[in-house]
Amino acid sequence: MMRRIPVLSVVLAAALVLPACSSLNPFADAEPKMAPLPALQASTSLATRWSASIGDAGIYRFEPAVVGEDVFAAAEDGDVARFSGGQARWRVRIDGGLTAGVGADAALAVVANSQGQVIALDAGSGAEQWRATINAEVLAAPSLARDVVVVRSSDNRLFGLDRKSGAVRWTYVRTTPPLTLRNQSGMLVEESVAVTGFPGGKLAAFNLANGGLLWELTVALPSGSTELERIADVVGMPVVYRQNLCAATFQGRVACFDITNGKMIWSRPLSSSDGISRDVRQVYVTEDADAVSALDAFSGASMWRQSALTRRGLSAPLAIAAGVVVGDREGYLHLLNRDTGAFIGRADTDGSAIVVAPKAIGDGVLVQTRGGRVLVLEAR
């Protein structure tokens, strides 16, 4: 089966400048087509609780932030807003056009613009608090901790910015392979530690006080004879459940570790370009072949695999009480049974792609579409 290969961080010269018309592409008619919507006998409905507009995402992947029952969202044109029950409490326009956001908590909402600047806004009013220039492209939503705002650049540097002033307190730099995926791995922040994934199949933890490396784990090792075959980036957000830490890589593996001693509990050879979710019993993976798989959280054994969404450009999954939700490039949100993977519900949004993982908000599900719709839905 042909893999869905995400955007790379380098230009693959000649192949990308060839016209795409069928007369010049002998394989055009043979390209796999997107699977039609699977038949559905819905046992659960996904009803829209509220919906609002923020603006188009363009070529970027804007991640909304949840703080209590409120949602912070941003768009490529520079709009940032805080929504409460679907109504905008405030909306501001940031100059320079945005490339990433939003990282937020009860005090700050943080975004990044195309000029290599990180902008912090007051979470209550939207007023700008500070602006820091890091002269780097930022594609992932900033992460907020007690004393610092952690920003990851597209070349995999980490910047620790003072939460009150935006001053750079520390920088972490590591060697980046010649080819990497352009979609950034998310970052877990817990008290004084941040955990994130890197190209080369590595998970690493950092001291937020000084950016020092605390430990590093290997999810997958790059393999193959070409740089393209050797891409093994950690993708999506690592997930923690009690003492277990799990992550997925592109062209590599899904693995879970015991964070008390760093030992690998299990690993499975699965490739993902989006990421994973988990609940008490299972780890859910969106494969780069646009299948959704469930693995036993304690052994890695395969529980089920739903492959009826081929070529629909799936987002990372989200496990909720009602099932497993995943978005696609036509703006559909699919609800799967957690025990069998069968389709039990579906919702249409605005017809544009859902590329960022859905998020839990209370007992509902939050999605932001590429076309700029922000929706909270609930299973009934």
Protein backbone atom coordinates (compact mmCIF):
# COMPACT_ATOMS: atom_id res chain seq x y z
CA MET A 1 0.00 0.00 0.00
CA MET A 2 1.30 3.45 -0.89
CA ARG A 3 2.29 5.53 2.11
CA ARG A 4 1.13 9.07 2.77
CA ILE A 5 4.45 10.93 3.13
CA PRO A 6 4.22 14.22 5.06
CA VAL A 7 5.93 17.42 3.95
CA LEU A 8 9.69 17.29 4.38
CA SER A 9 11.81 20.13 5.71
CA VAL A 10 13.91 20.31 2.54
CA VAL A 11 12.99 20.83 -1.10
CA LEU A 12 13.24 17.66 -3.16
CA ALA A 13 14.37 19.50 -6.26
CA ALA A 14 13.48 18.18 -9.72
CA ALA A 15 10.61 15.88 -8.78
CA LEU A 16 8.65 18.72 -7.22
CA VAL A 17 8.84 21.08 -10.19
CA LEU A 18 7.40 18.64 -12.74
CA PRO A 19 3.88 19.54 -13.90
CA ALA A 20 1.19 17.40 -12.31
CA CYS A 21 -1.04 17.12 -15.36
CA SER A 22 -1.91 13.58 -16.39
CA SER A 23 -0.34 13.90 -19.86
CA LEU A 24 3.07 14.24 -18.24
CA ASN A 25 2.45 11.79 -15.42
CA PRO A 26 2.11 8.19 -16.65
CA PHE A 27 1.07 7.08 -13.17
CA ALA A 28 -1.71 9.68 -12.70
CA ASP A 29 -4.56 7.28 -13.46
CA ALA A 30 -3.01 4.60 -11.26
CA GLU A 31 -2.71 6.78 -8.14
CA PRO A 32 -4.72 5.40 -5.23
CA LYS A 33 -8.00 7.26 -4.73
CA MET A 34 -9.45 8.42 -1.46
CA ALA A 35 -11.79 5.87 0.04
CA PRO A 36 -15.49 6.81 -0.04
CA LEU A 37 -17.19 7.40 3.27
CA PRO A 38 -17.82 3.98 4.85
CA ALA A 39 -21.39 2.89 5.39
CA LEU A 40 -22.57 3.82 8.84
CA GLN A 41 -25.34 2.62 11.13
CA ALA A 42 -24.83 5.25 13.79
CA SER A 43 -25.38 4.27 17.38
CA THR A 44 -23.95 7.56 18.66
CA SER A 45 -24.41 11.07 17.29
CA LEU A 46 -21.72 13.77 17.33
CA ALA A 47 -23.72 16.95 17.89
CA THR A 48 -22.24 20.44 17.64
CA ARG A 49 -22.35 22.21 20.99
CA TRP A 50 -20.97 25.43 19.52
CA SER A 51 -19.13 26.67 16.45
CA ALA A 52 -17.13 29.82 15.70
CA SER A 53 -14.82 31.19 13.01
CA ILE A 54 -11.18 32.17 13.47
CA GLY A 55 -9.76 32.30 9.93
CA ASP A 56 -7.93 30.10 7.44
CA ALA A 57 -4.83 28.15 8.52
CA GLY A 58 -3.15 28.43 5.12
CA ILE A 59 -0.17 26.07 4.94
CA TYR A 60 0.23 25.85 8.72
CA ARG A 61 -1.20 23.63 11.45
CA PHE A 62 -2.80 25.77 14.14
CA GLU A 63 -3.53 23.99 17.39
CA PRO A 64 -6.29 25.41 19.58
CA ALA A 65 -5.69 25.53 23.33
CA VAL A 66 -8.17 24.53 26.03
CA VAL A 67 -8.25 26.33 29.37
CA GLY A 68 -11.17 25.13 31.46
CA GLU A 69 -14.20 25.44 29.17
CA ASP A 70 -12.65 28.22 27.06
CA VAL A 71 -10.80 27.84 23.74
CA PHE A 72 -7.94 29.92 22.34
CA ALA A 73 -7.45 29.76 18.57
CA ALA A 74 -5.33 31.48 15.91
CA ALA A 75 -5.15 31.83 12.12
CA GLU A 76 -2.55 32.55 9.45
CA ASP A 77 -3.71 36.14 8.91
CA GLY A 78 -2.79 37.02 12.51
CA ASP A 79 -6.15 36.71 14.25
CA VAL A 80 -6.11 35.30 17.79
CA ALA A 81 -9.29 34.87 19.81
CA ARG A 82 -10.61 33.49 23.07
CA PHE A 83 -13.97 31.75 22.81
CA SER A 84 -16.33 31.01 25.66
CA GLY A 85 -19.39 28.98 24.74
CA GLY A 86 -18.86 29.90 21.09
CA GLN A 87 -18.75 33.66 21.77
CA ALA A 88 -15.50 35.61 21.40
CA ARG A 89 -14.46 37.15 24.70
CA TRP A 90 -11.77 38.99 22.75
CA ARG A 91 -10.18 38.97 19.32
CA VAL A 92 -6.94 40.67 18.27
CA ARG A 93 -4.85 40.89 15.11
CA ILE A 94 -1.08 40.21 15.31
CA ASP A 95 1.06 41.79 12.60
CA GLY A 96 3.35 39.67 10.46
CA GLY A 97 0.99 36.74 9.92
CA LEU A 98 1.10 33.71 12.23
CA THR A 99 2.76 30.34 11.77
CA ALA A 100 1.95 28.62 15.09
CA GLY A 101 -0.25 28.76 18.14
CA VAL A 102 -1.83 28.69 20.52
CA GLY A 103 -0.10 27.80 23.77
CA ALA A 104 -2.22 29.06 26.67
CA ASP A 105 -3.03 28.85 30.35
CA ALA A 106 -5.10 31.01 32.70
CA ALA A 107 -2.67 33.95 32.39
CA LEU A 108 -1.06 33.91 28.91
CA ALA A 109 -1.83 32.99 25.30
CA VAL A 110 1.28 32.63 23.12
CA VAL A 111 1.67 32.51 19.32
CA ALA A 112 4.50 32.89 16.77
CA ASN A 113 4.61 34.99 13.60
CA SER A 114 6.36 34.68 10.25
CA GLN A 115 9.04 37.19 11.29
CA GLY A 116 10.54 34.82 13.85
CA GLN A 117 8.83 36.50 16.79
CA VAL A 118 7.02 34.94 19.74
CA ILE A 119 4.13 37.05 21.07
CA ALA A 120 2.53 36.67 24.50
CA LEU A 121 -0.97 38.01 25.10
CA ASP A 122 -2.85 38.52 28.33
CA ALA A 123 -5.28 35.59 28.50
CA GLY A 124 -8.01 37.74 30.04
CA SER A 125 -7.96 40.68 27.64
CA GLY A 126 -5.81 39.81 24.61
CA ALA A 127 -3.48 42.74 25.30
CA GLU A 128 0.11 42.14 24.18
CA GLN A 129 2.43 41.48 27.14
CA TRP A 130 5.74 40.97 25.37
CA ARG A 131 7.33 40.10 22.07
CA ALA A 132 10.55 38.08 21.74
CA THR A 133 12.59 37.78 18.56
CA ILE A 134 14.22 34.37 18.14
CA ASN A 135 14.91 34.66 14.38
CA ALA A 136 13.62 31.15 13.72
CA GLU A 137 10.53 29.64 12.13
CA VAL A 138 8.10 28.18 14.67
CA LEU A 139 5.57 25.56 13.55
CA ALA A 140 4.51 24.00 16.86
CA ALA A 141 2.34 25.67 19.49
CA PRO A 142 4.48 27.07 22.34
CA SER A 143 4.31 25.26 25.69
CA LEU A 144 3.79 27.14 28.95
CA ALA A 145 5.33 26.26 32.31
CA ARG A 146 5.44 28.05 35.64
CA ASP A 147 8.46 30.24 34.87
CA VAL A 148 9.16 29.79 31.16
CA VAL A 149 7.53 29.58 27.76
CA VAL A 150 9.17 26.83 25.69
CA VAL A 151 9.27 27.35 21.93
CA ARG A 152 10.44 24.83 19.36
CA SER A 153 11.79 26.04 16.01
CA SER A 154 11.44 24.13 12.74
CA ASP A 155 15.16 23.21 12.90
CA ASN A 156 14.48 21.47 16.27
CA ARG A 157 16.04 24.05 18.56
CA LEU A 158 14.31 24.73 21.88
CA PHE A 159 14.11 28.20 23.40
CA GLY A 160 13.25 28.80 27.03
CA LEU A 161 11.74 32.30 27.28
CA ASP A 162 11.19 34.09 30.56
CA ARG A 163 7.48 34.01 31.23
CA LYS A 164 7.32 37.60 32.48
CA SER A 165 9.55 39.37 29.96
CA GLY A 166 10.15 37.04 26.99
CA ALA A 167 13.92 37.21 27.48
CA VAL A 168 15.78 34.09 26.28
CA ARG A 169 16.86 32.18 29.39
CA TRP A 170 18.30 29.15 27.61
CA THR A 171 18.60 27.46 24.22
CA TYR A 172 18.95 23.78 23.40
CA VAL A 173 20.50 22.78 20.06
CA ARG A 174 20.91 19.32 18.59
CA THR A 175 22.07 17.99 15.24
CA THR A 176 19.25 17.55 12.72
CA PRO A 177 19.35 14.89 9.96
CA PRO A 178 19.36 16.08 6.32
CA LEU A 179 15.68 15.13 5.90
CA THR A 180 13.00 15.57 8.56
CA LEU A 181 9.23 15.88 8.64
CA ARG A 182 7.86 19.41 8.68
CA ASN A 183 5.07 18.73 11.15
CA GLN A 184 6.44 19.21 14.64
CA SER A 185 6.30 16.84 17.56
CA GLY A 186 4.29 18.15 20.51
CA MET A 187 5.76 18.83 23.94
CA LEU A 188 4.63 17.58 27.34
CA VAL A 189 5.29 20.03 30.18
CA GLU A 190 4.94 18.89 33.78
CA GLU A 191 6.16 21.10 36.63
CA SER A 192 9.91 21.55 35.98
CA VAL A 193 10.33 19.04 33.13
CA ALA A 194 9.49 19.04 29.41
CA VAL A 195 9.38 15.88 27.26
CA THR A 196 9.42 15.95 23.48
CA GLY A 197 10.43 13.85 20.47
CA PHE A 198 13.08 14.51 17.83
CA PRO A 199 14.20 13.29 14.42
CA GLY A 200 16.21 10.09 14.65
CA GLY A 201 13.57 8.38 16.79
CA LYS A 202 14.55 9.99 20.11
CA LEU A 203 12.46 11.08 23.09
CA ALA A 204 14.16 13.52 25.43
CA ALA A 205 13.40 15.24 28.75
CA PHE A 206 14.70 18.68 29.73
CA ASN A 207 15.12 20.70 32.90
CA LEU A 208 12.96 23.78 32.36
CA ALA A 209 15.11 25.87 34.67
CA ASN A 210 18.20 25.72 32.44
CA GLY A 211 17.40 23.61 29.34
CA GLY A 212 19.69 20.80 30.47
CA LEU A 213 19.10 17.33 29.04
CA LEU A 214 17.84 14.98 31.76
CA TRP A 215 17.45 11.75 29.80
CA GLU A 216 16.95 10.37 26.31
CA LEU A 217 15.11 7.28 25.07
CA THR A 218 15.18 5.56 21.68
CA VAL A 219 11.76 4.89 20.18
CA ALA A 220 13.16 3.74 16.81
CA LEU A 221 16.51 3.63 15.02
CA PRO A 222 16.80 5.04 11.48
CA SER A 223 17.37 2.35 8.86
CA GLY A 224 17.71 2.18 5.09
CA SER A 225 20.21 3.07 2.40
CA THR A 226 18.88 6.54 1.51
CA GLU A 227 18.18 9.64 3.58
CA LEU A 228 14.48 9.34 2.71
CA GLU A 229 14.36 5.79 4.03
CA ARG A 230 16.20 6.86 7.18
CA ILE A 231 13.60 9.39 8.31
CA ALA A 232 12.48 8.20 11.74
CA ASP A 233 11.03 11.29 13.41
CA VAL A 234 8.96 11.10 16.57
CA VAL A 235 5.52 12.47 15.61
CA GLY A 236 2.60 13.98 17.47
CA MET A 237 2.39 14.34 21.22
CA PRO A 238 3.98 11.72 23.50
CA VAL A 239 1.40 10.36 25.94
CA VAL A 240 1.85 9.60 29.63
CA TYR A 241 -0.35 7.31 31.69
CA ARG A 242 0.78 6.78 35.26
CA GLN A 243 4.36 5.48 34.92
CA ASN A 244 4.16 4.75 31.19
CA LEU A 245 5.35 7.02 28.39
CA CYS A 246 4.43 6.14 24.79
CA ALA A 247 5.33 7.65 21.42
CA ALA A 248 5.26 6.90 17.69
CA THR A 249 7.69 7.50 14.83
CA PHE A 250 7.42 7.82 11.08
CA GLN A 251 8.89 4.78 9.28
CA GLY A 252 9.75 3.29 12.65
CA ARG A 253 7.90 2.02 15.67
CA VAL A 254 5.34 2.70 18.36
CA ALA A 255 6.84 2.09 21.79
CA CYS A 256 6.01 2.44 25.49
CA PHE A 257 8.54 2.95 28.30
CA ASP A 258 8.60 2.76 32.08
CA ILE A 259 9.62 6.32 33.00
CA THR A 260 10.88 5.28 36.43
CA ASN A 261 13.81 3.38 34.90
CA GLY A 262 13.76 4.17 31.17
CA LYS A 263 13.20 0.55 30.13
CA MET A 264 11.15 -0.21 27.04
CA ILE A 265 7.99 -2.14 27.94
CA TRP A 266 7.10 -3.01 24.34
CA SER A 267 7.42 -1.78 20.78
CA ARG A 268 5.62 -2.48 17.51
CA PRO A 269 6.79 -1.82 13.92
CA LEU A 270 4.15 0.73 12.87
CA SER A 271 4.68 3.95 10.94
CA SER A 272 2.74 7.08 11.84
CA SER A 273 2.97 10.64 10.58
CA ASP A 274 0.39 12.03 13.01
CA GLY A 275 0.60 10.45 16.44
CA ILE A 276 -1.18 8.44 19.10
CA SER A 277 -3.67 8.53 21.96
CA ARG A 278 -4.40 6.12 24.78
CA ASP A 279 -6.85 5.21 27.48
CA VAL A 280 -6.62 2.80 30.41
CA ARG A 281 -6.44 -0.31 28.22
CA GLN A 282 -5.24 0.62 24.73
CA VAL A 283 -2.95 2.80 22.63
CA TYR A 284 -4.52 4.15 19.43
CA VAL A 285 -2.37 4.95 16.39
CA THR A 286 -3.10 6.74 13.14
CA GLU A 287 -0.86 4.95 10.67
CA ASP A 288 0.60 6.78 7.70
CA ALA A 289 -1.44 4.43 5.48
CA ASP A 290 -4.55 6.15 6.98
CA ALA A 291 -5.60 3.19 9.09
CA VAL A 292 -6.38 3.43 12.79
CA SER A 293 -4.96 0.68 15.00
CA ALA A 294 -5.56 -0.22 18.63
CA LEU A 295 -2.74 -1.86 20.59
CA ASP A 296 -2.89 -3.38 24.05
CA ALA A 297 -1.35 -0.74 26.31
CA PHE A 298 0.50 -3.31 28.43
CA SER A 299 1.85 -5.68 25.77
CA GLY A 300 1.58 -3.92 22.41
CA ALA A 301 -0.54 -6.75 21.00
CA SER A 302 -2.82 -5.78 18.12
CA MET A 303 -6.46 -5.49 19.19
CA TRP A 304 -8.04 -4.20 15.97
CA ARG A 305 -7.26 -2.23 12.81
CA GLN A 306 -9.73 -0.01 10.93
CA SER A 307 -8.55 0.41 7.32
CA ALA A 308 -11.69 1.75 5.62
CA LEU A 309 -10.41 5.37 5.62
CA THR A 310 -7.55 4.88 3.14
CA ARG A 311 -6.16 8.09 1.64
CA ARG A 312 -8.54 10.28 3.61
CA GLY A 313 -5.65 12.14 5.27
CA LEU A 314 -6.42 11.30 8.89
CA SER A 315 -5.49 13.32 11.94
CA ALA A 316 -4.06 11.82 15.10
CA PRO A 317 -6.73 10.02 17.16
CA LEU A 318 -8.31 11.04 20.44
CA ALA A 319 -9.70 8.51 22.92
CA ILE A 320 -12.82 9.70 24.75
CA ALA A 321 -15.46 7.90 26.80
CA ALA A 322 -17.73 7.42 23.78
CA GLY A 323 -15.02 5.99 21.51
CA VAL A 324 -12.04 7.03 19.39
CA VAL A 325 -12.38 10.17 17.26
CA VAL A 326 -10.30 11.02 14.20
CA GLY A 327 -10.66 13.77 11.59
CA ASP A 328 -10.08 13.61 7.83
CA ARG A 329 -9.20 15.93 4.95
CA GLU A 330 -12.84 16.46 3.94
CA GLY A 331 -13.69 17.77 7.38
CA TYR A 332 -15.44 14.66 8.69
CA LEU A 333 -15.00 13.58 12.27
CA HIS A 334 -15.30 9.79 12.66
CA LEU A 335 -16.18 8.00 15.90
CA LEU A 336 -14.92 4.41 16.30
CA ASN A 337 -15.90 1.79 18.85
CA ARG A 338 -12.99 1.39 21.29
CA ASP A 339 -13.43 -2.38 21.52
CA THR A 340 -13.83 -3.25 17.85
CA GLY A 341 -12.86 -0.25 15.70
CA ALA A 342 -16.30 -0.27 14.03
CA PHE A 343 -17.80 3.07 12.96
CA ILE A 344 -20.44 4.22 15.43
CA GLY A 345 -20.76 7.94 14.65
CA ARG A 346 -19.79 10.70 12.23
CA ALA A 347 -20.04 14.48 11.98
CA ASP A 348 -19.44 16.91 9.11
CA THR A 349 -17.75 20.24 9.85
CA ASP A 350 -17.03 22.78 7.08
CA GLY A 351 -15.63 20.57 4.32
CA SER A 352 -12.00 21.54 4.93
CA ALA A 353 -9.33 19.29 6.39
CA ILE A 354 -8.95 18.45 10.07
CA VAL A 355 -5.18 18.06 10.28
CA VAL A 356 -4.57 18.80 13.96
CA ALA A 357 -5.51 16.16 16.52
CA PRO A 358 -8.93 16.65 18.15
CA LYS A 359 -8.76 17.72 21.79
CA ALA A 360 -10.86 16.89 24.81
CA ILE A 361 -12.77 19.78 26.37
CA GLY A 362 -14.82 18.72 29.36
CA ASP A 363 -16.97 15.87 28.07
CA GLY A 364 -16.77 17.19 24.49
CA VAL A 365 -14.37 17.20 21.54
CA LEU A 366 -12.67 20.29 20.13
CA VAL A 367 -11.55 20.52 16.49
CA GLN A 368 -10.14 23.33 14.34
CA THR A 369 -10.41 22.94 10.58
CA ARG A 370 -7.98 24.21 7.98
CA GLY A 371 -10.75 26.50 6.73
CA GLY A 372 -10.85 28.20 10.14
CA ARG A 373 -13.87 26.70 11.86
CA VAL A 374 -13.57 25.98 15.57
CA LEU A 375 -16.14 23.50 16.88
CA VAL A 376 -16.95 21.74 20.11
CA LEU A 377 -18.97 18.55 19.63
CA GLU A 378 -20.44 16.08 22.08
CA ALA A 379 -21.37 12.43 21.80
CA ARG A 380 -25.02 11.61 22.46
